[in-house]
């Protein structure tokens, strides 16, 4: 099935899923010092919400944290005193996107994605969304426990450059665009959303822009231009589990 987005033709029958599924197993990625998600049937007295246990339906409760349990998309409400919901901030779902691969640079004890690396990889392109695959692209990204590992992160100058390029949506295969322990500075988050003061939001803060973290882009997917379909669950929360899908651009 073909579709045309912004005068670009794509084949909807060939989606490229770059999300990591959420499960209650050890194969679920974890960050921020929490345990794996819980998915359990509801129990009312002797009744258990499981067909295997004799119920007519499967009826599960799910306990999870969108920031720490896999692919999620967040709005600037993640760092502001005033409440902003991803469900209210993200109102469009198809975007031009550029997939780039970057090996973070070693700086002291950190691995950092720099402004210069982003600038070279984009090569003058200014898509609506940028998808960053870090190298080496280990399979363990899909199930790793990132807590207390000081993962690579994005320099705030790189986030500023992405904002200045007019890119509205930033997707990355790391648990955060910021350093795991940064004393609450969140410099890359603030630079991307142009948030100058979290207690009194400036008028030019980027309300319609999003950050998606903990994606996974298979090696067989080549760097280049795509159409992104950014799917979220309609949570009235700063973040939601999400399912970003890439589509190759038809010639």
Protein backbone atom coordinates (compact mmCIF):
# COMPACT_ATOMS: atom_id res chain seq x y z
CA UNK A 1 0.00 0.00 0.00
CA UNK A 2 1.51 3.30 -1.11
CA UNK A 3 1.08 6.67 0.58
CA UNK A 4 2.35 10.18 -0.09
CA UNK A 5 3.64 12.28 2.82
CA UNK A 6 4.86 15.83 2.06
CA UNK A 7 5.04 14.86 -1.63
CA UNK A 8 7.22 11.87 -0.69
CA UNK A 9 6.01 8.39 -1.56
CA UNK A 10 6.37 5.53 0.91
CA UNK A 11 5.21 1.92 1.06
CA UNK A 12 3.09 1.41 4.19
CA UNK A 13 3.44 -2.36 3.85
CA UNK A 14 7.17 -2.13 4.67
CA UNK A 15 7.47 -0.57 8.14
CA UNK A 16 10.81 -0.52 9.97
CA UNK A 17 10.11 -0.75 13.68
CA UNK A 18 12.85 0.89 15.79
CA UNK A 19 11.14 0.45 19.16
CA UNK A 20 12.01 -2.02 21.90
CA UNK A 21 9.00 -4.01 23.18
CA UNK A 22 8.08 -3.84 26.86
CA UNK A 23 7.91 -7.14 28.75
CA UNK A 24 8.12 -8.48 32.29
CA UNK A 25 11.20 -10.55 31.53
CA UNK A 26 14.94 -10.11 31.89
CA UNK A 27 15.01 -9.22 28.19
CA UNK A 28 13.45 -5.84 29.00
CA UNK A 29 15.94 -2.92 29.11
CA UNK A 30 16.10 -0.98 32.38
CA UNK A 31 17.44 2.40 33.44
CA UNK A 32 17.34 4.70 36.46
CA UNK A 33 17.74 2.10 39.22
CA UNK A 34 14.30 0.48 38.97
CA UNK A 35 13.27 -3.14 38.55
CA UNK A 36 11.75 -4.74 35.44
CA UNK A 37 8.08 -4.07 34.59
CA UNK A 38 5.31 -6.11 36.17
CA UNK A 39 2.52 -7.69 34.11
CA UNK A 40 0.14 -9.74 36.25
CA UNK A 41 -3.49 -10.85 36.05
CA UNK A 42 -6.06 -9.06 38.21
CA UNK A 43 -7.17 -11.11 41.21
CA UNK A 44 -10.65 -10.76 42.79
CA UNK A 45 -10.91 -13.31 45.56
CA UNK A 46 -10.78 -16.73 43.87
CA UNK A 47 -11.06 -15.20 40.38
CA UNK A 48 -7.79 -14.73 38.46
CA UNK A 49 -7.83 -12.78 35.19
CA UNK A 50 -6.10 -15.45 33.14
CA UNK A 51 -7.60 -17.88 30.63
CA UNK A 52 -4.92 -20.36 31.67
CA UNK A 53 -6.24 -20.11 35.25
CA UNK A 54 -9.86 -20.64 34.20
CA UNK A 55 -11.10 -17.11 33.40
CA UNK A 56 -12.91 -16.26 30.17
CA UNK A 57 -10.42 -13.49 29.34
CA UNK A 58 -6.87 -12.40 30.05
CA UNK A 59 -7.13 -9.27 32.23
CA UNK A 60 -3.71 -7.95 33.25
CA UNK A 61 -2.45 -5.02 35.25
CA UNK A 62 0.78 -3.48 33.96
CA UNK A 63 3.18 -1.56 36.22
CA UNK A 64 5.98 0.23 34.42
CA UNK A 65 7.87 3.50 34.13
CA UNK A 66 8.03 4.97 30.60
CA UNK A 67 11.43 6.60 31.19
CA UNK A 68 13.10 3.50 32.58
CA UNK A 69 11.48 0.59 30.79
CA UNK A 70 12.12 0.90 27.08
CA UNK A 71 11.31 3.07 24.09
CA UNK A 72 9.51 6.23 25.16
CA UNK A 73 8.75 9.69 23.86
CA UNK A 74 8.78 12.72 26.15
CA UNK A 75 7.84 16.38 25.91
CA UNK A 76 9.34 19.33 27.78
CA UNK A 77 6.98 18.57 30.66
CA UNK A 78 9.66 16.08 31.67
CA UNK A 79 11.74 18.94 33.11
CA UNK A 80 9.26 21.76 33.86
CA UNK A 81 7.45 22.68 37.05
CA UNK A 82 4.27 23.36 35.10
CA UNK A 83 2.51 20.26 33.77
CA UNK A 84 2.78 19.52 30.06
CA UNK A 85 1.50 16.30 28.52
CA UNK A 86 3.03 14.40 25.62
CA UNK A 87 -0.52 13.70 24.48
CA UNK A 88 -1.18 17.43 24.14
CA UNK A 89 2.24 18.46 22.78
CA UNK A 90 2.52 15.85 20.00
CA UNK A 91 -0.29 16.42 17.51
CA UNK A 92 1.37 15.37 14.23
CA UNK A 93 2.81 11.92 13.66
CA UNK A 94 4.58 11.79 10.28
CA UNK A 95 7.91 13.55 9.74
CA UNK A 96 10.88 13.63 7.43
CA UNK A 97 13.77 11.98 9.25
CA UNK A 98 17.49 11.44 8.87
CA UNK A 99 19.13 8.35 10.35
CA UNK A 100 22.78 8.89 11.30
CA UNK A 101 25.33 6.60 12.99
CA UNK A 102 27.87 8.06 15.40
CA UNK A 103 30.60 6.58 17.58
CA UNK A 104 30.72 8.77 20.71
CA UNK A 105 34.05 10.39 21.50
CA UNK A 106 35.96 9.55 24.67
CA UNK A 107 36.32 12.59 26.94
CA UNK A 108 37.88 11.86 30.33
CA UNK A 109 35.70 9.01 31.67
CA UNK A 110 32.70 9.78 29.44
CA UNK A 111 31.57 8.92 25.93
CA UNK A 112 30.02 11.99 24.31
CA UNK A 113 28.24 12.74 21.02
CA UNK A 114 29.58 16.11 19.93
CA UNK A 115 28.19 18.97 17.90
CA UNK A 116 30.84 18.44 15.23
CA UNK A 117 29.88 14.79 14.82
CA UNK A 118 26.20 15.70 14.34
CA UNK A 119 27.09 18.48 11.92
CA UNK A 120 29.24 16.19 9.77
CA UNK A 121 26.69 13.37 9.79
CA UNK A 122 23.79 15.63 8.76
CA UNK A 123 25.89 17.19 5.99
CA UNK A 124 23.62 20.19 5.66
CA UNK A 125 20.34 18.24 5.85
CA UNK A 126 17.65 19.74 8.08
CA UNK A 127 14.92 17.10 8.50
CA UNK A 128 12.02 17.36 10.92
CA UNK A 129 13.42 14.44 12.95
CA UNK A 130 16.89 13.06 13.62
CA UNK A 131 17.49 9.41 14.53
CA UNK A 132 20.85 8.74 16.18
CA UNK A 133 22.29 5.21 16.21
CA UNK A 134 25.39 4.95 18.41
CA UNK A 135 28.33 2.72 17.55
CA UNK A 136 29.16 0.02 18.32
CA UNK A 137 25.56 -1.03 17.76
CA UNK A 138 25.46 -3.87 20.28
CA UNK A 139 22.50 -6.25 20.46
CA UNK A 140 22.59 -5.80 24.25
CA UNK A 141 20.93 -2.39 23.86
CA UNK A 142 17.64 -4.29 23.62
CA UNK A 143 17.92 -5.81 27.10
CA UNK A 144 20.67 -3.97 28.97
CA UNK A 145 20.41 -2.71 32.54
CA UNK A 146 21.87 0.80 32.14
CA UNK A 147 21.75 1.75 35.81
CA UNK A 148 25.13 2.84 37.21
CA UNK A 149 26.91 2.32 33.86
CA UNK A 150 27.42 5.98 32.82
CA UNK A 151 26.14 5.47 29.24
CA UNK A 152 27.15 7.78 26.38
CA UNK A 153 25.21 11.03 26.09
CA UNK A 154 24.71 14.12 23.95
CA UNK A 155 26.78 17.25 24.49
CA UNK A 156 24.56 20.26 25.16
CA UNK A 157 26.25 22.04 22.25
CA UNK A 158 25.11 19.19 20.00
CA UNK A 159 21.54 19.53 21.30
CA UNK A 160 21.73 23.28 20.67
CA UNK A 161 22.88 22.66 17.10
CA UNK A 162 20.00 20.23 16.51
CA UNK A 163 17.57 22.88 17.79
CA UNK A 164 19.16 25.59 15.65
CA UNK A 165 18.76 23.37 12.59
CA UNK A 166 15.01 23.44 13.22
CA UNK A 167 14.82 19.71 13.97
CA UNK A 168 11.70 19.08 16.04
CA UNK A 169 12.10 15.45 17.07
CA UNK A 170 15.20 13.78 18.45
CA UNK A 171 15.42 9.98 18.67
CA UNK A 172 18.38 8.15 20.21
CA UNK A 173 19.28 4.60 21.27
CA UNK A 174 20.42 5.62 24.77
CA UNK A 175 18.47 5.88 28.06
CA UNK A 176 18.95 9.65 28.10
CA UNK A 177 20.38 12.49 26.05
CA UNK A 178 22.05 13.65 29.26
CA UNK A 179 24.70 12.19 31.53
CA UNK A 180 23.40 9.60 34.01
CA UNK A 181 24.66 11.64 36.97
CA UNK A 182 24.79 15.33 36.14
CA UNK A 183 23.57 16.94 39.39
CA UNK A 184 20.17 17.60 37.80
CA UNK A 185 21.53 20.00 35.19
CA UNK A 186 19.88 18.23 32.20
CA UNK A 187 21.78 20.49 29.82
CA UNK A 188 20.97 18.63 26.60
CA UNK A 189 17.25 18.36 27.43
CA UNK A 190 17.12 22.10 28.17
CA UNK A 191 19.13 23.02 25.08
CA UNK A 192 16.95 20.95 22.74
CA UNK A 193 13.65 22.28 24.14
CA UNK A 194 15.10 25.78 24.62
CA UNK A 195 14.05 25.77 28.26
CA UNK A 196 15.83 28.55 30.10
CA UNK A 197 14.04 28.32 33.47
CA UNK A 198 12.10 25.24 34.56
CA UNK A 199 10.01 27.17 37.11
CA UNK A 200 8.93 29.93 34.70
CA UNK A 201 8.80 28.69 31.12
CA UNK A 202 10.07 31.12 28.50
CA UNK A 203 7.77 32.02 25.59
CA UNK A 204 10.11 30.55 22.95
CA UNK A 205 10.38 27.11 24.58
CA UNK A 206 9.64 24.35 22.04
CA UNK A 207 6.32 22.91 23.19
CA UNK A 208 5.74 20.82 20.06
CA UNK A 209 9.14 19.09 20.08
CA UNK A 210 9.92 15.65 21.49
CA UNK A 211 12.78 13.44 22.60
CA UNK A 212 12.53 9.68 22.12
CA UNK A 213 15.01 7.50 23.99
CA UNK A 214 15.93 3.80 24.12
CA UNK A 215 15.22 2.95 20.49
CA UNK A 216 17.10 0.23 18.62
CA UNK A 217 18.05 0.47 14.94
CA UNK A 218 19.23 -2.79 13.38
CA UNK A 219 22.54 -2.78 11.47
CA UNK A 220 20.77 -3.73 8.23
CA UNK A 221 19.01 -0.35 8.22
CA UNK A 222 21.22 2.09 6.32
CA UNK A 223 21.91 5.69 7.26
CA UNK A 224 19.93 8.14 5.16
CA UNK A 225 16.56 9.80 4.68
CA UNK A 226 13.27 8.25 5.80
CA UNK A 227 9.73 9.12 6.77
CA UNK A 228 9.11 8.68 10.50
CA UNK A 229 5.77 7.71 12.00
CA UNK A 230 6.02 8.52 15.72
CA UNK A 231 3.31 6.59 17.58
CA UNK A 232 2.51 7.13 21.26
CA UNK A 233 -0.10 5.92 23.71
CA UNK A 234 -2.45 8.81 24.70
CA UNK A 235 -1.17 9.25 28.24
CA UNK A 236 -1.73 12.61 29.94
CA UNK A 237 1.82 12.44 31.25
CA UNK A 238 5.16 13.99 30.40
CA UNK A 239 6.13 10.78 28.58
CA UNK A 240 4.56 7.75 26.96
CA UNK A 241 5.84 4.40 25.75
CA UNK A 242 6.16 4.79 22.00
CA UNK A 243 6.58 2.95 18.73
CA UNK A 244 8.62 4.93 16.19
CA UNK A 245 8.40 3.46 12.69
CA UNK A 246 10.62 4.35 9.73
CA UNK A 247 9.55 4.05 6.09
CA UNK A 248 11.98 4.03 3.19
CA UNK A 249 11.43 6.75 0.63
CA UNK A 250 10.32 5.39 -2.73
CA UNK A 251 12.27 6.52 -5.77
